[in-house]
Amino acid sequence: MRRIDREKKTIDHMLRVYCRNHHGSSDGLCAACVALQEYAHSRLDTCPFQQEKPACNKCTVHCYSRQKRVEVKDVMRYSGPRMMLRHPVLALLHLLDLVGEPPTLKKRK
């Protein structure tokens, strides 16, 4: 599985956990969470690192707007611990992404 696809899958599961418990959505995502999901997917699609992508909180390039960064942090702070029970493989892979130094962008000529 490509790195970006795994990241999308992880954020999708985190959003489902968050939305179910905060917005009462039992079968999918509410409109606000769908908008955040689409935003996260669009940012992942344009990530300059692609396969070498570090965890977003360790990244040297902040792709998210300030407000969206706050929203995603809230989702991750709530869903992260719960992911260990619901999706342990994705959670473990996400934690492994935190290990090591993040790559840096090469300067354009």
N, C-alpha and C. Protein backbone atom coordinates (compact mmCIF):
# COMPACT_ATOMS: atom_id res chain seq x y z
N MET A 1 0.86 -1.18 0.00
CA MET A 1 0.00 0.00 0.00
C MET A 1 0.90 1.24 0.00
N ARG A 2 0.58 2.18 -0.86
CA ARG A 2 1.34 3.43 -0.91
C ARG A 2 1.20 4.20 0.40
N ARG A 3 2.22 4.93 0.73
CA ARG A 3 2.27 5.69 1.99
C ARG A 3 1.10 6.67 2.10
N ILE A 4 0.83 7.40 1.04
CA ILE A 4 -0.25 8.39 1.06
C ILE A 4 -1.60 7.70 1.22
N ASP A 5 -1.79 6.56 0.57
CA ASP A 5 -3.05 5.82 0.70
C ASP A 5 -3.25 5.35 2.14
N ARG A 6 -2.16 4.93 2.78
CA ARG A 6 -2.25 4.51 4.19
C ARG A 6 -2.60 5.69 5.08
N GLU A 7 -2.01 6.84 4.79
CA GLU A 7 -2.34 8.05 5.57
C GLU A 7 -3.81 8.41 5.42
N LYS A 8 -4.33 8.30 4.21
CA LYS A 8 -5.75 8.60 3.98
C LYS A 8 -6.63 7.63 4.75
N LYS A 9 -6.27 6.36 4.72
CA LYS A 9 -7.04 5.35 5.44
C LYS A 9 -7.02 5.63 6.94
N THR A 10 -5.86 6.02 7.45
CA THR A 10 -5.73 6.31 8.88
C THR A 10 -6.59 7.50 9.28
N ILE A 11 -6.52 8.60 8.53
CA ILE A 11 -7.33 9.78 8.87
C ILE A 11 -8.81 9.47 8.73
N ASP A 12 -9.18 8.64 7.75
CA ASP A 12 -10.59 8.25 7.59
C ASP A 12 -11.10 7.53 8.84
N HIS A 13 -10.32 6.57 9.34
CA HIS A 13 -10.72 5.83 10.53
C HIS A 13 -10.76 6.74 11.76
N MET A 14 -9.78 7.62 11.87
CA MET A 14 -9.77 8.55 13.01
C MET A 14 -10.99 9.47 12.97
N LEU A 15 -11.34 9.94 11.80
CA LEU A 15 -12.51 10.81 11.66
C LEU A 15 -13.79 10.06 12.02
N ARG A 16 -13.90 8.79 11.61
CA ARG A 16 -15.10 8.01 11.95
C ARG A 16 -15.25 7.86 13.46
N VAL A 17 -14.15 7.54 14.14
CA VAL A 17 -14.19 7.40 15.60
C VAL A 17 -14.61 8.72 16.23
N TYR A 18 -13.99 9.80 15.81
CA TYR A 18 -14.26 11.12 16.36
C TYR A 18 -15.71 11.54 16.10
N CYS A 19 -16.15 11.40 14.86
CA CYS A 19 -17.49 11.85 14.48
C CYS A 19 -18.57 11.04 15.20
N ARG A 20 -18.37 9.74 15.30
CA ARG A 20 -19.35 8.88 15.99
C ARG A 20 -19.52 9.33 17.44
N ASN A 21 -18.43 9.65 18.10
CA ASN A 21 -18.50 9.96 19.52
C ASN A 21 -18.73 11.44 19.84
N HIS A 22 -18.47 12.33 18.89
CA HIS A 22 -18.68 13.75 19.14
C HIS A 22 -19.90 14.32 18.43
N HIS A 23 -20.23 13.77 17.29
CA HIS A 23 -21.34 14.31 16.50
C HIS A 23 -22.50 13.33 16.38
N GLY A 24 -22.37 12.15 16.96
CA GLY A 24 -23.45 11.17 16.96
C GLY A 24 -23.71 10.50 15.62
N SER A 25 -22.76 10.55 14.71
CA SER A 25 -22.93 9.91 13.41
C SER A 25 -22.73 8.42 13.54
N SER A 26 -23.77 7.65 13.24
CA SER A 26 -23.66 6.21 13.40
C SER A 26 -23.27 5.50 12.11
N ASP A 27 -23.57 6.10 10.99
CA ASP A 27 -23.27 5.44 9.71
C ASP A 27 -22.57 6.40 8.74
N GLY A 28 -21.35 6.74 9.06
CA GLY A 28 -20.60 7.64 8.20
C GLY A 28 -20.18 8.88 8.94
N LEU A 29 -19.95 9.94 8.17
CA LEU A 29 -19.47 11.19 8.74
C LEU A 29 -20.50 12.29 8.56
N CYS A 30 -20.51 13.24 9.49
CA CYS A 30 -21.37 14.42 9.34
C CYS A 30 -20.73 15.33 8.29
N ALA A 31 -21.43 16.37 7.90
CA ALA A 31 -20.96 17.27 6.84
C ALA A 31 -19.63 17.94 7.20
N ALA A 32 -19.47 18.34 8.46
CA ALA A 32 -18.23 19.00 8.88
C ALA A 32 -17.05 18.04 8.80
N CYS A 33 -17.26 16.79 9.19
CA CYS A 33 -16.18 15.81 9.14
C CYS A 33 -15.86 15.38 7.71
N VAL A 34 -16.88 15.34 6.85
CA VAL A 34 -16.63 15.06 5.43
C VAL A 34 -15.78 16.17 4.83
N ALA A 35 -16.07 17.41 5.18
CA ALA A 35 -15.28 18.54 4.67
C ALA A 35 -13.83 18.45 5.16
N LEU A 36 -13.63 18.08 6.42
CA LEU A 36 -12.28 17.94 6.95
C LEU A 36 -11.57 16.76 6.27
N GLN A 37 -12.29 15.69 6.02
CA GLN A 37 -11.72 14.53 5.33
C GLN A 37 -11.27 14.91 3.91
N GLU A 38 -12.12 15.61 3.20
CA GLU A 38 -11.77 16.03 1.84
C GLU A 38 -10.56 16.96 1.84
N TYR A 39 -10.50 17.85 2.82
CA TYR A 39 -9.37 18.77 2.95
C TYR A 39 -8.08 17.98 3.22
N ALA A 40 -8.13 17.03 4.16
CA ALA A 40 -6.96 16.22 4.49
C ALA A 40 -6.50 15.41 3.28
N HIS A 41 -7.44 14.84 2.55
CA HIS A 41 -7.09 14.06 1.36
C HIS A 41 -6.42 14.96 0.30
N SER A 42 -6.96 16.15 0.12
CA SER A 42 -6.37 17.06 -0.88
C SER A 42 -4.96 17.47 -0.48
N ARG A 43 -4.74 17.68 0.81
CA ARG A 43 -3.40 18.03 1.30
C ARG A 43 -2.44 16.86 1.13
N LEU A 44 -2.91 15.65 1.39
CA LEU A 44 -2.07 14.47 1.22
C LEU A 44 -1.71 14.26 -0.26
N ASP A 45 -2.67 14.53 -1.13
CA ASP A 45 -2.41 14.37 -2.57
C ASP A 45 -1.32 15.32 -3.06
N THR A 46 -1.20 16.46 -2.43
CA THR A 46 -0.22 17.45 -2.87
C THR A 46 1.02 17.51 -1.96
N CYS A 47 1.16 16.55 -1.07
CA CYS A 47 2.32 16.53 -0.18
C CYS A 47 3.60 16.45 -1.00
N PRO A 48 4.55 17.36 -0.75
CA PRO A 48 5.78 17.36 -1.54
C PRO A 48 6.68 16.16 -1.26
N PHE A 49 6.46 15.44 -0.17
CA PHE A 49 7.33 14.32 0.19
C PHE A 49 6.82 12.97 -0.31
N GLN A 50 5.52 12.84 -0.54
CA GLN A 50 4.88 11.60 -0.99
C GLN A 50 5.35 10.38 -0.21
N GLN A 51 6.08 9.46 -0.80
CA GLN A 51 6.46 8.21 -0.13
C GLN A 51 7.37 8.42 1.07
N GLU A 52 8.12 9.52 1.10
CA GLU A 52 9.01 9.80 2.23
C GLU A 52 8.33 10.67 3.28
N LYS A 53 7.03 10.84 3.15
CA LYS A 53 6.27 11.72 4.03
C LYS A 53 6.45 11.36 5.50
N PRO A 54 6.83 12.34 6.33
CA PRO A 54 6.89 12.09 7.77
C PRO A 54 5.49 12.26 8.38
N ALA A 55 5.36 11.98 9.65
CA ALA A 55 4.11 12.30 10.35
C ALA A 55 3.93 13.81 10.28
N CYS A 56 2.72 14.26 10.10
CA CYS A 56 2.46 15.69 9.89
C CYS A 56 3.01 16.57 11.03
N ASN A 57 2.92 16.08 12.27
CA ASN A 57 3.38 16.92 13.37
C ASN A 57 4.91 17.04 13.43
N LYS A 58 5.62 16.21 12.67
CA LYS A 58 7.08 16.31 12.59
C LYS A 58 7.54 16.95 11.29
N CYS A 59 6.63 17.25 10.42
CA CYS A 59 6.97 17.74 9.09
C CYS A 59 7.52 19.17 9.13
N THR A 60 8.44 19.45 8.22
CA THR A 60 9.02 20.79 8.13
C THR A 60 8.17 21.72 7.28
N VAL A 61 7.23 21.16 6.54
CA VAL A 61 6.32 21.94 5.69
C VAL A 61 4.91 21.77 6.24
N HIS A 62 4.27 22.87 6.62
CA HIS A 62 2.91 22.77 7.14
C HIS A 62 1.93 23.09 6.04
N CYS A 63 1.28 22.05 5.54
CA CYS A 63 0.35 22.16 4.42
C CYS A 63 -1.03 22.65 4.84
N TYR A 64 -1.40 22.41 6.10
CA TYR A 64 -2.74 22.73 6.57
C TYR A 64 -2.81 24.20 6.99
N SER A 65 -3.98 24.79 6.79
CA SER A 65 -4.21 26.13 7.31
C SER A 65 -4.22 26.04 8.83
N ARG A 66 -4.04 27.14 9.49
CA ARG A 66 -3.98 27.15 10.95
C ARG A 66 -5.25 26.54 11.57
N GLN A 67 -6.42 26.93 11.07
CA GLN A 67 -7.68 26.42 11.62
C GLN A 67 -7.84 24.92 11.39
N LYS A 68 -7.51 24.45 10.20
CA LYS A 68 -7.64 23.02 9.91
C LYS A 68 -6.64 22.21 10.73
N ARG A 69 -5.46 22.77 10.99
CA ARG A 69 -4.46 22.09 11.81
C ARG A 69 -5.02 21.87 13.22
N VAL A 70 -5.72 22.87 13.75
CA VAL A 70 -6.34 22.75 15.08
C VAL A 70 -7.41 21.66 15.06
N GLU A 71 -8.23 21.65 14.02
CA GLU A 71 -9.30 20.65 13.91
C GLU A 71 -8.73 19.24 13.84
N VAL A 72 -7.70 19.04 13.02
CA VAL A 72 -7.11 17.71 12.87
C VAL A 72 -6.42 17.29 14.16
N LYS A 73 -5.79 18.22 14.85
CA LYS A 73 -5.17 17.88 16.14
C LYS A 73 -6.21 17.39 17.12
N ASP A 74 -7.37 18.04 17.16
CA ASP A 74 -8.45 17.60 18.06
C ASP A 74 -8.89 16.18 17.73
N VAL A 75 -9.06 15.90 16.43
CA VAL A 75 -9.46 14.57 15.99
C VAL A 75 -8.40 13.54 16.40
N MET A 76 -7.15 13.85 16.13
CA MET A 76 -6.08 12.90 16.42
C MET A 76 -5.88 12.71 17.92
N ARG A 77 -6.00 13.78 18.67
CA ARG A 77 -5.83 13.68 20.13
C ARG A 77 -6.90 12.76 20.72
N TYR A 78 -8.12 12.85 20.20
CA TYR A 78 -9.20 12.00 20.71
C TYR A 78 -9.11 10.57 20.15
N SER A 79 -8.91 10.46 18.84
CA SER A 79 -8.98 9.16 18.18
C SER A 79 -7.72 8.33 18.32
N GLY A 80 -6.57 8.98 18.46
CA GLY A 80 -5.30 8.26 18.50
C GLY A 80 -5.28 7.11 19.49
N PRO A 81 -5.56 7.37 20.77
CA PRO A 81 -5.55 6.27 21.74
C PRO A 81 -6.59 5.19 21.43
N ARG A 82 -7.71 5.57 20.88
CA ARG A 82 -8.77 4.61 20.57
C ARG A 82 -8.43 3.76 19.34
N MET A 83 -7.55 4.27 18.49
CA MET A 83 -7.13 3.52 17.31
C MET A 83 -6.37 2.26 17.69
N MET A 84 -5.68 2.27 18.82
CA MET A 84 -4.93 1.09 19.25
C MET A 84 -5.85 -0.11 19.46
N LEU A 85 -7.09 0.14 19.84
CA LEU A 85 -8.05 -0.94 20.03
C LEU A 85 -8.80 -1.28 18.75
N ARG A 86 -9.15 -0.26 17.98
CA ARG A 86 -9.98 -0.47 16.79
C ARG A 86 -9.19 -0.84 15.55
N HIS A 87 -8.04 -0.23 15.37
CA HIS A 87 -7.21 -0.46 14.19
C HIS A 87 -5.74 -0.48 14.60
N PRO A 88 -5.33 -1.53 15.32
CA PRO A 88 -3.98 -1.55 15.89
C PRO A 88 -2.85 -1.48 14.86
N VAL A 89 -3.03 -2.09 13.70
CA VAL A 89 -1.96 -2.07 12.69
C VAL A 89 -1.76 -0.65 12.17
N LEU A 90 -2.85 0.03 11.83
CA LEU A 90 -2.74 1.42 11.36
C LEU A 90 -2.16 2.31 12.44
N ALA A 91 -2.58 2.10 13.67
CA ALA A 91 -2.06 2.91 14.78
C ALA A 91 -0.57 2.70 14.96
N LEU A 92 -0.15 1.46 14.90
CA LEU A 92 1.28 1.15 15.06
C LEU A 92 2.10 1.75 13.92
N LEU A 93 1.63 1.62 12.70
CA LEU A 93 2.34 2.20 11.56
C LEU A 93 2.42 3.72 11.68
N HIS A 94 1.35 4.33 12.18
CA HIS A 94 1.35 5.78 12.38
C HIS A 94 2.38 6.17 13.43
N LEU A 95 2.48 5.40 14.50
CA LEU A 95 3.47 5.67 15.54
C LEU A 95 4.90 5.49 15.00
N LEU A 96 5.09 4.51 14.15
CA LEU A 96 6.42 4.29 13.56
C LEU A 96 6.84 5.45 12.66
N ASP A 97 5.86 6.13 12.10
CA ASP A 97 6.16 7.30 11.25
C ASP A 97 6.77 8.44 12.06
N LEU A 98 6.59 8.40 13.37
CA LEU A 98 7.15 9.44 14.23
C LEU A 98 8.64 9.26 14.49
N VAL A 99 9.14 8.06 14.18
CA VAL A 99 10.55 7.74 14.44
C VAL A 99 11.43 8.31 13.32
N GLY A 100 12.55 8.86 13.70
CA GLY A 100 13.51 9.36 12.71
C GLY A 100 13.33 10.83 12.42
N GLU A 101 14.27 11.33 11.65
CA GLU A 101 14.26 12.74 11.27
C GLU A 101 13.39 12.94 10.03
N PRO A 102 12.62 14.00 10.00
CA PRO A 102 11.81 14.27 8.82
C PRO A 102 12.69 14.75 7.66
N PRO A 103 12.30 14.44 6.43
CA PRO A 103 13.07 14.93 5.28
C PRO A 103 12.88 16.43 5.12
N THR A 104 13.77 17.06 4.40
CA THR A 104 13.64 18.49 4.10
C THR A 104 13.49 18.66 2.61
N LEU A 105 12.84 19.74 2.23
CA LEU A 105 12.67 20.04 0.81
C LEU A 105 13.98 20.54 0.21
N LYS A 106 14.20 20.13 -1.00
CA LYS A 106 15.36 20.65 -1.72
C LYS A 106 15.00 22.01 -2.28
N LYS A 107 15.95 22.94 -2.22
CA LYS A 107 15.69 24.29 -2.72
C LYS A 107 15.59 24.28 -4.23
N ARG A 108 14.67 25.07 -4.74
CA ARG A 108 14.51 25.22 -6.18
C ARG A 108 15.62 26.10 -6.74
N LYS A 109 15.96 25.84 -7.98
CA LYS A 109 16.99 26.66 -8.63
C LYS A 109 16.40 27.87 -9.29
